Amino acid sequence: MKKNNPTAQFLATTILLMALLAFTSTRFGGIRGTVSPADGVIQIVAIASSDTLKTNVTDGKFTLSNVKKGTYTIWVKAKAPYKDTTVETVAVIDSAITDVGEIKLQQ
C-alpha cells in the first residue's frame, strides 16, 4: 500500500483552491428608485461607459438588476408635457442596491 505524501496533498489542494478562485463570478449590484408623477415616464436608462441598461417603470417604481460596479448616469425618458431628467454619478458597488430615491419630473 502506498502512503500519501503530505506535501503533495497540500500542493494539490492549494492548486485546486487557486483554480476555483480564478473562476469566481462577478457579483452584480442594482439601482432602484421612484419617479413622480408615475404616469409621466416612458423608460429608465442607465449609462456607464460601454454599458447601457433599460427598464420600465411600474406604479412609479423601477429596479435595474445585474448592474456591474461603476458610476452611472440615470436618464428618465419622459412623456409630454414632462421633460427628460438625468441623475448623474450614481455609484454601484458589488452586491449592493443603490437607491436613488424619488426623481421628480418637471414640465
PDB file of N, CA and C in Angstrom:
ATOM      1  N   MET A   1       0.830  -1.172   0.000  1.00  0.00           N
ATOM      2  CA  MET A   1       0.000   0.000   0.000  1.00  0.00           C
ATOM      3  C   MET A   1       0.876   1.238   0.000  1.00  0.00           C
ATOM      4  N   LYS A   2       0.505   2.224  -0.804  1.00  0.00           N
ATOM      5  CA  LYS A   2       1.286   3.437  -0.959  1.00  0.00           C
ATOM      6  C   LYS A   2       0.838   4.488   0.052  1.00  0.00           C
ATOM      7  N   LYS A   3       1.797   5.152   0.722  1.00  0.00           N
ATOM      8  CA  LYS A   3       1.472   6.210   1.677  1.00  0.00           C
ATOM      9  C   LYS A   3       1.326   7.533   0.936  1.00  0.00           C
ATOM     10  N   ASN A   4       0.390   8.364   1.415  1.00  0.00           N
ATOM     11  CA  ASN A   4       0.192   9.680   0.818  1.00  0.00           C
ATOM     12  C   ASN A   4       1.262  10.633   1.311  1.00  0.00           C
ATOM     13  N   ASN A   5       1.751  11.433   0.400  1.00  0.00           N
ATOM     14  CA  ASN A   5       2.755  12.442   0.714  1.00  0.00           C
ATOM     15  C   ASN A   5       2.028  13.713   1.146  1.00  0.00           C
ATOM     16  N   PRO A   6       2.210  14.181   2.409  1.00  0.00           N
ATOM     17  CA  PRO A   6       1.507  15.373   2.887  1.00  0.00           C
ATOM     18  C   PRO A   6       1.833  16.626   2.077  1.00  0.00           C
ATOM     19  N   THR A   7       3.057  16.741   1.616  1.00  0.00           N
ATOM     20  CA  THR A   7       3.444  17.906   0.815  1.00  0.00           C
ATOM     21  C   THR A   7       2.713  17.897  -0.520  1.00  0.00           C
ATOM     22  N   ALA A   8       2.609  16.759  -1.139  1.00  0.00           N
ATOM     23  CA  ALA A   8       1.913  16.650  -2.420  1.00  0.00           C
ATOM     24  C   ALA A   8       0.420  16.922  -2.246  1.00  0.00           C
ATOM     25  N   GLN A   9      -0.158  16.448  -1.146  1.00  0.00           N
ATOM     26  CA  GLN A   9      -1.571  16.709  -0.889  1.00  0.00           C
ATOM     27  C   GLN A   9      -1.825  18.202  -0.682  1.00  0.00           C
ATOM     28  N   PHE A  10      -0.933  18.838   0.086  1.00  0.00           N
ATOM     29  CA  PHE A  10      -1.066  20.276   0.327  1.00  0.00           C
ATOM     30  C   PHE A  10      -0.956  21.045  -0.985  1.00  0.00           C
ATOM     31  N   LEU A  11       0.014  20.681  -1.802  1.00  0.00           N
ATOM     32  CA  LEU A  11       0.215  21.346  -3.089  1.00  0.00           C
ATOM     33  C   LEU A  11      -0.996  21.153  -4.001  1.00  0.00           C
ATOM     34  N   ALA A  12      -1.532  19.956  -4.046  1.00  0.00           N
ATOM     35  CA  ALA A  12      -2.703  19.681  -4.881  1.00  0.00           C
ATOM     36  C   ALA A  12      -3.918  20.463  -4.397  1.00  0.00           C
ATOM     37  N   THR A  13      -4.100  20.529  -3.086  1.00  0.00           N
ATOM     38  CA  THR A  13      -5.222  21.285  -2.519  1.00  0.00           C
ATOM     39  C   THR A  13      -5.088  22.771  -2.818  1.00  0.00           C
ATOM     40  N   THR A  14      -3.887  23.289  -2.689  1.00  0.00           N
ATOM     41  CA  THR A  14      -3.634  24.704  -2.971  1.00  0.00           C
ATOM     42  C   THR A  14      -3.914  25.037  -4.428  1.00  0.00           C
ATOM     43  N   ILE A  15      -3.471  24.207  -5.329  1.00  0.00           N
ATOM     44  CA  ILE A  15      -3.714  24.434  -6.762  1.00  0.00           C
ATOM     45  C   ILE A  15      -5.205  24.380  -7.067  1.00  0.00           C
ATOM     46  N   LEU A  16      -5.908  23.437  -6.475  1.00  0.00           N
ATOM     47  CA  LEU A  16      -7.350  23.321  -6.685  1.00  0.00           C
ATOM     48  C   LEU A  16      -8.084  24.569  -6.194  1.00  0.00           C
ATOM     49  N   LEU A  17      -7.735  25.062  -5.003  1.00  0.00           N
ATOM     50  CA  LEU A  17      -8.368  26.272  -4.466  1.00  0.00           C
ATOM     51  C   LEU A  17      -8.073  27.498  -5.328  1.00  0.00           C
ATOM     52  N   MET A  18      -6.848  27.622  -5.805  1.00  0.00           N
ATOM     53  CA  MET A  18      -6.495  28.760  -6.670  1.00  0.00           C
ATOM     54  C   MET A  18      -7.283  28.709  -7.975  1.00  0.00           C
ATOM     55  N   ALA A  19      -7.451  27.512  -8.519  1.00  0.00           N
ATOM     56  CA  ALA A  19      -8.220  27.368  -9.756  1.00  0.00           C
ATOM     57  C   ALA A  19      -9.681  27.747  -9.539  1.00  0.00           C
ATOM     58  N   LEU A  20     -10.253  27.345  -8.415  1.00  0.00           N
ATOM     59  CA  LEU A  20     -11.643  27.697  -8.122  1.00  0.00           C
ATOM     60  C   LEU A  20     -11.815  29.198  -7.935  1.00  0.00           C
ATOM     61  N   LEU A  21     -10.890  29.836  -7.247  1.00  0.00           N
ATOM     62  CA  LEU A  21     -10.968  31.279  -7.030  1.00  0.00           C
ATOM     63  C   LEU A  21     -10.793  32.057  -8.330  1.00  0.00           C
ATOM     64  N   ALA A  22     -10.048  31.518  -9.258  1.00  0.00           N
ATOM     65  CA  ALA A  22      -9.833  32.202 -10.535  1.00  0.00           C
ATOM     66  C   ALA A  22     -11.115  32.286 -11.349  1.00  0.00           C
ATOM     67  N   PHE A  23     -12.048  31.392 -11.104  1.00  0.00           N
ATOM     68  CA  PHE A  23     -13.279  31.354 -11.885  1.00  0.00           C
ATOM     69  C   PHE A  23     -14.499  31.834 -11.114  1.00  0.00           C
ATOM     70  N   THR A  24     -14.309  32.559 -10.033  1.00  0.00           N
ATOM     71  CA  THR A  24     -15.463  33.092  -9.312  1.00  0.00           C
ATOM     72  C   THR A  24     -16.148  34.145 -10.158  1.00  0.00           C
ATOM     73  N   SER A  25     -17.435  34.184 -10.091  1.00  0.00           N
ATOM     74  CA  SER A  25     -18.187  35.120 -10.923  1.00  0.00           C
ATOM     75  C   SER A  25     -18.215  36.508 -10.290  1.00  0.00           C
ATOM     76  N   THR A  26     -18.406  37.488 -11.134  1.00  0.00           N
ATOM     77  CA  THR A  26     -18.522  38.860 -10.675  1.00  0.00           C
ATOM     78  C   THR A  26     -19.860  39.022  -9.966  1.00  0.00           C
ATOM     79  N   ARG A  27     -19.840  39.705  -8.855  1.00  0.00           N
ATOM     80  CA  ARG A  27     -21.079  39.988  -8.141  1.00  0.00           C
ATOM     81  C   ARG A  27     -21.638  41.295  -8.677  1.00  0.00           C
ATOM     82  N   PHE A  28     -22.896  41.300  -8.973  1.00  0.00           N
ATOM     83  CA  PHE A  28     -23.535  42.474  -9.535  1.00  0.00           C
ATOM     84  C   PHE A  28     -24.321  43.222  -8.471  1.00  0.00           C
ATOM     85  N   GLY A  29     -24.539  44.485  -8.728  1.00  0.00           N
ATOM     86  CA  GLY A  29     -25.365  45.309  -7.857  1.00  0.00           C
ATOM     87  C   GLY A  29     -26.658  45.659  -8.560  1.00  0.00           C
ATOM     88  N   GLY A  30     -27.277  46.735  -8.110  1.00  0.00           N
ATOM     89  CA  GLY A  30     -28.530  47.164  -8.719  1.00  0.00           C
ATOM     90  C   GLY A  30     -28.795  48.625  -8.438  1.00  0.00           C
ATOM     91  N   ILE A  31     -29.786  49.153  -9.135  1.00  0.00           N
ATOM     92  CA  ILE A  31     -30.217  50.539  -8.956  1.00  0.00           C
ATOM     93  C   ILE A  31     -31.738  50.518  -8.851  1.00  0.00           C
ATOM     94  N   ARG A  32     -32.272  51.258  -7.873  1.00  0.00           N
ATOM     95  CA  ARG A  32     -33.729  51.358  -7.746  1.00  0.00           C
ATOM     96  C   ARG A  32     -34.094  52.788  -7.373  1.00  0.00           C
ATOM     97  N   GLY A  33     -35.375  53.089  -7.590  1.00  0.00           N
ATOM     98  CA  GLY A  33     -35.876  54.403  -7.240  1.00  0.00           C
ATOM     99  C   GLY A  33     -37.323  54.539  -7.629  1.00  0.00           C
ATOM    100  N   THR A  34     -37.837  55.758  -7.489  1.00  0.00           N
ATOM    101  CA  THR A  34     -39.210  56.059  -7.879  1.00  0.00           C
ATOM    102  C   THR A  34     -39.213  57.305  -8.749  1.00  0.00           C
ATOM    103  N   VAL A  35     -40.258  57.423  -9.554  1.00  0.00           N
ATOM    104  CA  VAL A  35     -40.442  58.585 -10.418  1.00  0.00           C
ATOM    105  C   VAL A  35     -41.839  59.125 -10.177  1.00  0.00           C
ATOM    106  N   SER A  36     -41.935  60.454 -10.048  1.00  0.00           N
ATOM    107  CA  SER A  36     -43.255  61.059  -9.904  1.00  0.00           C
ATOM    108  C   SER A  36     -43.362  62.252 -10.851  1.00  0.00           C
ATOM    109  N   PRO A  37     -44.490  62.396 -11.495  1.00  0.00           N
ATOM    110  CA  PRO A  37     -45.653  61.516 -11.453  1.00  0.00           C
ATOM    111  C   PRO A  37     -45.374  60.204 -12.189  1.00  0.00           C
ATOM    112  N   ALA A  38     -45.959  59.141 -11.680  1.00  0.00           N
ATOM    113  CA  ALA A  38     -45.714  57.801 -12.209  1.00  0.00           C
ATOM    114  C   ALA A  38     -46.131  57.640 -13.659  1.00  0.00           C
ATOM    115  N   ASP A  39     -47.167  58.361 -14.076  1.00  0.00           N
ATOM    116  CA  ASP A  39     -47.645  58.213 -15.457  1.00  0.00           C
ATOM    117  C   ASP A  39     -46.904  59.125 -16.434  1.00  0.00           C
ATOM    118  N   GLY A  40     -45.879  59.836 -15.976  1.00  0.00           N
ATOM    119  CA  GLY A  40     -45.141  60.750 -16.840  1.00  0.00           C
ATOM    120  C   GLY A  40     -43.859  60.190 -17.419  1.00  0.00           C
ATOM    121  N   VAL A  41     -43.588  58.924 -17.163  1.00  0.00           N
ATOM    122  CA  VAL A  41     -42.319  58.343 -17.603  1.00  0.00           C
ATOM    123  C   VAL A  41     -42.536  57.243 -18.644  1.00  0.00           C
ATOM    124  N   ILE A  42     -41.639  57.200 -19.601  1.00  0.00           N
ATOM    125  CA  ILE A  42     -41.669  56.158 -20.633  1.00  0.00           C
ATOM    126  C   ILE A  42     -40.736  55.016 -20.255  1.00  0.00           C
ATOM    127  N   GLN A  43     -39.479  55.373 -19.901  1.00  0.00           N
ATOM    128  CA  GLN A  43     -38.468  54.354 -19.642  1.00  0.00           C
ATOM    129  C   GLN A  43     -37.318  54.954 -18.835  1.00  0.00           C
ATOM    130  N   ILE A  44     -36.593  54.077 -18.132  1.00  0.00           N
ATOM    131  CA  ILE A  44     -35.391  54.446 -17.397  1.00  0.00           C
ATOM    132  C   ILE A  44     -34.201  53.825 -18.114  1.00  0.00           C
ATOM    133  N   VAL A  45     -33.149  54.617 -18.326  1.00  0.00           N
ATOM    134  CA  VAL A  45     -31.929  54.129 -18.965  1.00  0.00           C
ATOM    135  C   VAL A  45     -30.756  54.466 -18.049  1.00  0.00           C
ATOM    136  N   ALA A  46     -29.883  53.482 -17.796  1.00  0.00           N
ATOM    137  CA  ALA A  46     -28.661  53.696 -17.014  1.00  0.00           C
ATOM    138  C   ALA A  46     -27.471  53.530 -17.952  1.00  0.00           C
ATOM    139  N   ILE A  47     -26.565  54.513 -17.938  1.00  0.00           N
ATOM    140  CA  ILE A  47     -25.444  54.511 -18.865  1.00  0.00           C
ATOM    141  C   ILE A  47     -24.136  54.659 -18.078  1.00  0.00           C
ATOM    142  N   ALA A  48     -23.163  53.789 -18.382  1.00  0.00           N
ATOM    143  CA  ALA A  48     -21.810  53.886 -17.823  1.00  0.00           C
ATOM    144  C   ALA A  48     -20.841  53.368 -18.868  1.00  0.00           C
ATOM    145  N   SER A  49     -19.985  54.233 -19.363  1.00  0.00           N
ATOM    146  CA  SER A  49     -19.013  53.905 -20.418  1.00  0.00           C
ATOM    147  C   SER A  49     -19.673  53.071 -21.518  1.00  0.00           C
ATOM    148  N   SER A  50     -19.389  51.786 -21.604  1.00  0.00           N
ATOM    149  CA  SER A  50     -19.947  50.974 -22.693  1.00  0.00           C
ATOM    150  C   SER A  50     -21.203  50.205 -22.281  1.00  0.00           C
ATOM    151  N   ASP A  51     -21.646  50.350 -21.043  1.00  0.00           N
ATOM    152  CA  ASP A  51     -22.842  49.648 -20.568  1.00  0.00           C
ATOM    153  C   ASP A  51     -24.073  50.540 -20.658  1.00  0.00           C
ATOM    154  N   THR A  52     -25.140  49.996 -21.232  1.00  0.00           N
ATOM    155  CA  THR A  52     -26.432  50.677 -21.277  1.00  0.00           C
ATOM    156  C   THR A  52     -27.493  49.681 -20.837  1.00  0.00           C
ATOM    157  N   LEU A  53     -28.225  50.037 -19.788  1.00  0.00           N
ATOM    158  CA  LEU A  53     -29.278  49.181 -19.252  1.00  0.00           C
ATOM    159  C   LEU A  53     -30.597  49.932 -19.302  1.00  0.00           C
ATOM    160  N   LYS A  54     -31.680  49.221 -19.609  1.00  0.00           N
ATOM    161  CA  LYS A  54     -33.001  49.841 -19.709  1.00  0.00           C
ATOM    162  C   LYS A  54     -33.996  49.072 -18.868  1.00  0.00           C
ATOM    163  N   THR A  55     -34.981  49.816 -18.328  1.00  0.00           N
ATOM    164  CA  THR A  55     -36.079  49.174 -17.609  1.00  0.00           C
ATOM    165  C   THR A  55     -37.310  50.062 -17.698  1.00  0.00           C
ATOM    166  N   ASN A  56     -38.441  49.466 -17.451  1.00  0.00           N
ATOM    167  CA  ASN A  56     -39.701  50.198 -17.424  1.00  0.00           C
ATOM    168  C   ASN A  56     -40.063  50.549 -15.990  1.00  0.00           C
ATOM    169  N   VAL A  57     -41.019  51.444 -15.845  1.00  0.00           N
ATOM    170  CA  VAL A  57     -41.478  51.885 -14.531  1.00  0.00           C
ATOM    171  C   VAL A  57     -42.860  51.291 -14.284  1.00  0.00           C
ATOM    172  N   THR A  58     -43.051  50.706 -13.094  1.00  0.00           N
ATOM    173  CA  THR A  58     -44.341  50.144 -12.712  1.00  0.00           C
ATOM    174  C   THR A  58     -44.799  50.837 -11.433  1.00  0.00           C
ATOM    175  N   ASP A  59     -45.946  51.476 -11.520  1.00  0.00           N
ATOM    176  CA  ASP A  59     -46.504  52.200 -10.369  1.00  0.00           C
ATOM    177  C   ASP A  59     -45.504  53.213  -9.803  1.00  0.00           C
ATOM    178  N   GLY A  60     -44.725  53.820 -10.684  1.00  0.00           N
ATOM    179  CA  GLY A  60     -43.760  54.836 -10.272  1.00  0.00           C
ATOM    180  C   GLY A  60     -42.441  54.296  -9.761  1.00  0.00           C
ATOM    181  N   LYS A  61     -42.277  52.968  -9.719  1.00  0.00           N
ATOM    182  CA  LYS A  61     -41.057  52.367  -9.192  1.00  0.00           C
ATOM    183  C   LYS A  61     -40.271  51.677 -10.298  1.00  0.00           C
ATOM    184  N   PHE A  62     -38.937  51.708 -10.150  1.00  0.00           N
ATOM    185  CA  PHE A  62     -38.094  50.995 -11.104  1.00  0.00           C
ATOM    186  C   PHE A  62     -36.942  50.309 -10.381  1.00  0.00           C
ATOM    187  N   THR A  63     -36.464  49.232 -10.989  1.00  0.00           N
ATOM    188  CA  THR A  63     -35.304  48.499 -10.487  1.00  0.00           C
ATOM    189  C   THR A  63     -34.495  48.007 -11.668  1.00  0.00           C
ATOM    190  N   LEU A  64     -33.203  48.248 -11.607  1.00  0.00           N
ATOM    191  CA  LEU A  64     -32.263  47.688 -12.579  1.00  0.00           C
ATOM    192  C   LEU A  64     -31.449  46.639 -11.839  1.00  0.00           C
ATOM    193  N   SER A  65     -31.439  45.408 -12.349  1.00  0.00           N
ATOM    194  CA  SER A  65     -30.708  44.318 -11.712  1.00  0.00           C
ATOM    195  C   SER A  65     -29.495  43.939 -12.546  1.00  0.00           C
ATOM    196  N   ASN A  66     -28.610  43.173 -11.953  1.00  0.00           N
ATOM    197  CA  ASN A  66     -27.394  42.703 -12.634  1.00  0.00           C
ATOM    198  C   ASN A  66     -26.580  43.856 -13.205  1.00  0.00           C
ATOM    199  N   VAL A  67     -26.376  44.872 -12.388  1.00  0.00           N
ATOM    200  CA  VAL A  67     -25.631  46.058 -12.794  1.00  0.00           C
ATOM    201  C   VAL A  67     -24.175  45.884 -12.352  1.00  0.00           C
ATOM    202  N   LYS A  68     -23.254  46.033 -13.303  1.00  0.00           N
ATOM    203  CA  LYS A  68     -21.834  45.953 -12.976  1.00  0.00           C
ATOM    204  C   LYS A  68     -21.438  47.148 -12.121  1.00  0.00           C
ATOM    205  N   LYS A  69     -20.421  46.967 -11.276  1.00  0.00           N
ATOM    206  CA  LYS A  69     -19.991  48.087 -10.451  1.00  0.00           C
ATOM    207  C   LYS A  69     -19.436  49.193 -11.346  1.00  0.00           C
ATOM    208  N   GLY A  70     -19.668  50.422 -10.926  1.00  0.00           N
ATOM    209  CA  GLY A  70     -19.226  51.578 -11.689  1.00  0.00           C
ATOM    210  C   GLY A  70     -20.076  52.788 -11.355  1.00  0.00           C
ATOM    211  N   THR A  71     -19.871  53.856 -12.119  1.00  0.00           N
ATOM    212  CA  THR A  71     -20.624  55.089 -11.928  1.00  0.00           C
ATOM    213  C   THR A  71     -21.535  55.285 -13.134  1.00  0.00           C
ATOM    214  N   TYR A  72     -22.818  55.439 -12.870  1.00  0.00           N
ATOM    215  CA  TYR A  72     -23.833  55.502 -13.913  1.00  0.00           C
ATOM    216  C   TYR A  72     -24.527  56.857 -13.939  1.00  0.00           C
ATOM    217  N   THR A  73     -25.048  57.186 -15.111  1.00  0.00           N
ATOM    218  CA  THR A  73     -25.964  58.302 -15.269  1.00  0.00           C
ATOM    219  C   THR A  73     -27.326  57.695 -15.559  1.00  0.00           C
ATOM    220  N   ILE A  74     -28.328  58.104 -14.789  1.00  0.00           N
ATOM    221  CA  ILE A  74     -29.696  57.619 -14.986  1.00  0.00           C
ATOM    222  C   ILE A  74     -30.435  58.648 -15.829  1.00  0.00           C
ATOM    223  N   TRP A  75     -31.017  58.192 -16.927  1.00  0.00           N
ATOM    224  CA  TRP A  75     -31.776  59.046 -17.822  1.00  0.00           C
ATOM    225  C   TRP A  75     -33.236  58.611 -17.747  1.00  0.00           C
ATOM    226  N   VAL A  76     -34.103  59.528 -17.348  1.00  0.00           N
ATOM    227  CA  VAL A  76     -35.533  59.257 -17.285  1.00  0.00           C
ATOM    228  C   VAL A  76     -36.152  59.833 -18.558  1.00  0.00           C
ATOM    229  N   LYS A  77     -36.639  58.949 -19.425  1.00  0.00           N
ATOM    230  CA  LYS A  77     -37.311  59.379 -20.652  1.00  0.00           C
ATOM    231  C   LYS A  77     -38.769  59.666 -20.311  1.00  0.00           C
ATOM    232  N   ALA A  78     -39.166  60.923 -20.462  1.00  0.00           N
ATOM    233  CA  ALA A  78     -40.488  61.362 -20.011  1.00  0.00           C
ATOM    234  C   ALA A  78     -41.471  61.521 -21.163  1.00  0.00           C
ATOM    235  N   LYS A  79     -42.762  61.416 -20.803  1.00  0.00           N
ATOM    236  CA  LYS A  79     -43.857  61.695 -21.734  1.00  0.00           C
ATOM    237  C   LYS A  79     -44.166  63.186 -21.670  1.00  0.00           C
ATOM    238  N   ALA A  80     -44.598  63.740 -22.809  1.00  0.00           N
ATOM    239  CA  ALA A  80     -45.030  65.142 -22.825  1.00  0.00           C
ATOM    240  C   ALA A  80     -46.234  65.276 -21.902  1.00  0.00           C
ATOM    241  N   PRO A  81     -46.344  66.316 -21.159  1.00  0.00           N
ATOM    242  CA  PRO A  81     -45.635  67.590 -21.195  1.00  0.00           C
ATOM    243  C   PRO A  81     -44.402  67.631 -20.292  1.00  0.00           C
ATOM    244  N   TYR A  82     -43.968  66.476 -19.761  1.00  0.00           N
ATOM    245  CA  TYR A  82     -42.823  66.454 -18.855  1.00  0.00           C
ATOM    246  C   TYR A  82     -41.512  66.432 -19.640  1.00  0.00           C
ATOM    247  N   LYS A  83     -40.441  66.861 -18.982  1.00  0.00           N
ATOM    248  CA  LYS A  83     -39.116  66.913 -19.604  1.00  0.00           C
ATOM    249  C   LYS A  83     -38.276  65.733 -19.130  1.00  0.00           C
ATOM    250  N   ASP A  84     -37.419  65.227 -20.047  1.00  0.00           N
ATOM    251  CA  ASP A  84     -36.468  64.191 -19.667  1.00  0.00           C
ATOM    252  C   ASP A  84     -35.602  64.712 -18.517  1.00  0.00           C
ATOM    253  N   THR A  85     -35.189  63.805 -17.657  1.00  0.00           N
ATOM    254  CA  THR A  85     -34.406  64.168 -16.484  1.00  0.00           C
ATOM    255  C   THR A  85     -33.224  63.210 -16.354  1.00  0.00           C
ATOM    256  N   THR A  86     -32.091  63.704 -15.847  1.00  0.00           N
ATOM    257  CA  THR A  86     -30.944  62.840 -15.592  1.00  0.00           C
ATOM    258  C   THR A  86     -30.508  62.954 -14.133  1.00  0.00           C
ATOM    259  N   VAL A  87     -29.972  61.855 -13.641  1.00  0.00           N
ATOM    260  CA  VAL A  87     -29.341  61.811 -12.317  1.00  0.00           C
ATOM    261  C   VAL A  87     -27.933  61.299 -12.572  1.00  0.00           C
ATOM    262  N   GLU A  88     -26.936  62.111 -12.260  1.00  0.00           N
ATOM    263  CA  GLU A  88     -25.551  61.753 -12.567  1.00  0.00           C
ATOM    264  C   GLU A  88     -24.827  61.186 -11.354  1.00  0.00           C
ATOM    265  N   THR A  89     -23.719  60.548 -11.626  1.00  0.00           N
ATOM    266  CA  THR A  89     -22.811  59.947 -10.638  1.00  0.00           C
ATOM    267  C   THR A  89     -23.516  59.027  -9.648  1.00  0.00           C
ATOM    268  N   VAL A  90     -24.247  58.068 -10.176  1.00  0.00           N
ATOM    269  CA  VAL A  90     -24.884  57.042  -9.345  1.00  0.00           C
ATOM    270  C   VAL A  90     -23.882  55.890  -9.227  1.00  0.00           C
ATOM    271  N   ALA A  91     -23.338  55.711  -8.033  1.00  0.00           N
ATOM    272  CA  ALA A  91     -22.311  54.696  -7.806  1.00  0.00           C
ATOM    273  C   ALA A  91     -22.944  53.353  -7.470  1.00  0.00           C
ATOM    274  N   VAL A  92     -22.466  52.311  -8.159  1.00  0.00           N
ATOM    275  CA  VAL A  92     -22.924  50.944  -7.904  1.00  0.00           C
ATOM    276  C   VAL A  92     -21.710  50.128  -7.488  1.00  0.00           C
ATOM    277  N   ILE A  93     -21.836  49.396  -6.383  1.00  0.00           N
ATOM    278  CA  ILE A  93     -20.765  48.519  -5.931  1.00  0.00           C
ATOM    279  C   ILE A  93     -21.263  47.083  -5.951  1.00  0.00           C
ATOM    280  N   ASP A  94     -20.328  46.148  -5.840  1.00  0.00           N
ATOM    281  CA  ASP A  94     -20.675  44.722  -5.866  1.00  0.00           C
ATOM    282  C   ASP A  94     -21.704  44.363  -4.808  1.00  0.00           C
ATOM    283  N   SER A  95     -22.692  43.603  -5.217  1.00  0.00           N
ATOM    284  CA  SER A  95     -23.691  43.005  -4.325  1.00  0.00           C
ATOM    285  C   SER A  95     -24.521  44.001  -3.526  1.00  0.00           C
ATOM    286  N   ALA A  96     -24.627  45.243  -3.985  1.00  0.00           N
ATOM    287  CA  ALA A  96     -25.415  46.241  -3.257  1.00  0.00           C
ATOM    288  C   ALA A  96     -26.413  46.913  -4.200  1.00  0.00           C
ATOM    289  N   ILE A  97     -27.552  47.289  -3.651  1.00  0.00           N
ATOM    290  CA  ILE A  97     -28.567  48.027  -4.402  1.00  0.00           C
ATOM    291  C   ILE A  97     -28.416  49.504  -4.047  1.00  0.00           C
ATOM    292  N   THR A  98     -28.241  50.344  -5.060  1.00  0.00           N
ATOM    293  CA  THR A  98     -28.151  51.787  -4.862  1.00  0.00           C
ATOM    294  C   THR A  98     -29.538  52.377  -5.059  1.00  0.00           C
ATOM    295  N   ASP A  99     -30.049  53.053  -4.040  1.00  0.00           N
ATOM    296  CA  ASP A  99     -31.369  53.673  -4.102  1.00  0.00           C
ATOM    297  C   ASP A  99     -31.181  55.154  -4.431  1.00  0.00           C
ATOM    298  N   VAL A 100     -31.719  55.579  -5.579  1.00  0.00           N
ATOM    299  CA  VAL A 100     -31.587  56.979  -5.985  1.00  0.00           C
ATOM    300  C   VAL A 100     -32.723  57.833  -5.457  1.00  0.00           C
ATOM    301  N   GLY A 101     -33.650  57.214  -4.725  1.00  0.00           N
ATOM    302  CA  GLY A 101     -34.758  57.962  -4.134  1.00  0.00           C
ATOM    303  C   GLY A 101     -35.803  58.351  -5.168  1.00  0.00           C
ATOM    304  N   GLU A 102     -36.475  59.496  -4.908  1.00  0.00           N
ATOM    305  CA  GLU A 102     -37.529  59.953  -5.793  1.00  0.00           C
ATOM    306  C   GLU A 102     -36.989  60.934  -6.820  1.00  0.00           C
ATOM    307  N   ILE A 103     -37.341  60.687  -8.076  1.00  0.00           N
ATOM    308  CA  ILE A 103     -36.978  61.571  -9.163  1.00  0.00           C
ATOM    309  C   ILE A 103     -38.262  62.290  -9.596  1.00  0.00           C
ATOM    310  N   LYS A 104     -38.298  63.603  -9.434  1.00  0.00           N
ATOM    311  CA  LYS A 104     -39.487  64.381  -9.776  1.00  0.00           C
ATOM    312  C   LYS A 104     -39.343  64.960 -11.174  1.00  0.00           C
ATOM    313  N   LEU A 105     -40.324  64.668 -12.008  1.00  0.00           N
ATOM    314  CA  LEU A 105     -40.320  65.188 -13.379  1.00  0.00           C
ATOM    315  C   LEU A 105     -40.858  66.608 -13.393  1.00  0.00           C
ATOM    316  N   GLN A 106     -40.228  67.446 -14.221  1.00  0.00           N
ATOM    317  CA  GLN A 106     -40.626  68.845 -14.378  1.00  0.00           C
ATOM    318  C   GLN A 106     -41.347  69.031 -15.708  1.00  0.00           C
ATOM    319  N   GLN A 107     -42.261  69.985 -15.741  1.00  0.00           N
ATOM    320  CA  GLN A 107     -42.974  70.276 -17.003  1.00  0.00           C
ATOM    321  C   GLN A 107     -42.265  71.377 -17.755  1.00  0.00           C
TER     322      GLN A 107
END
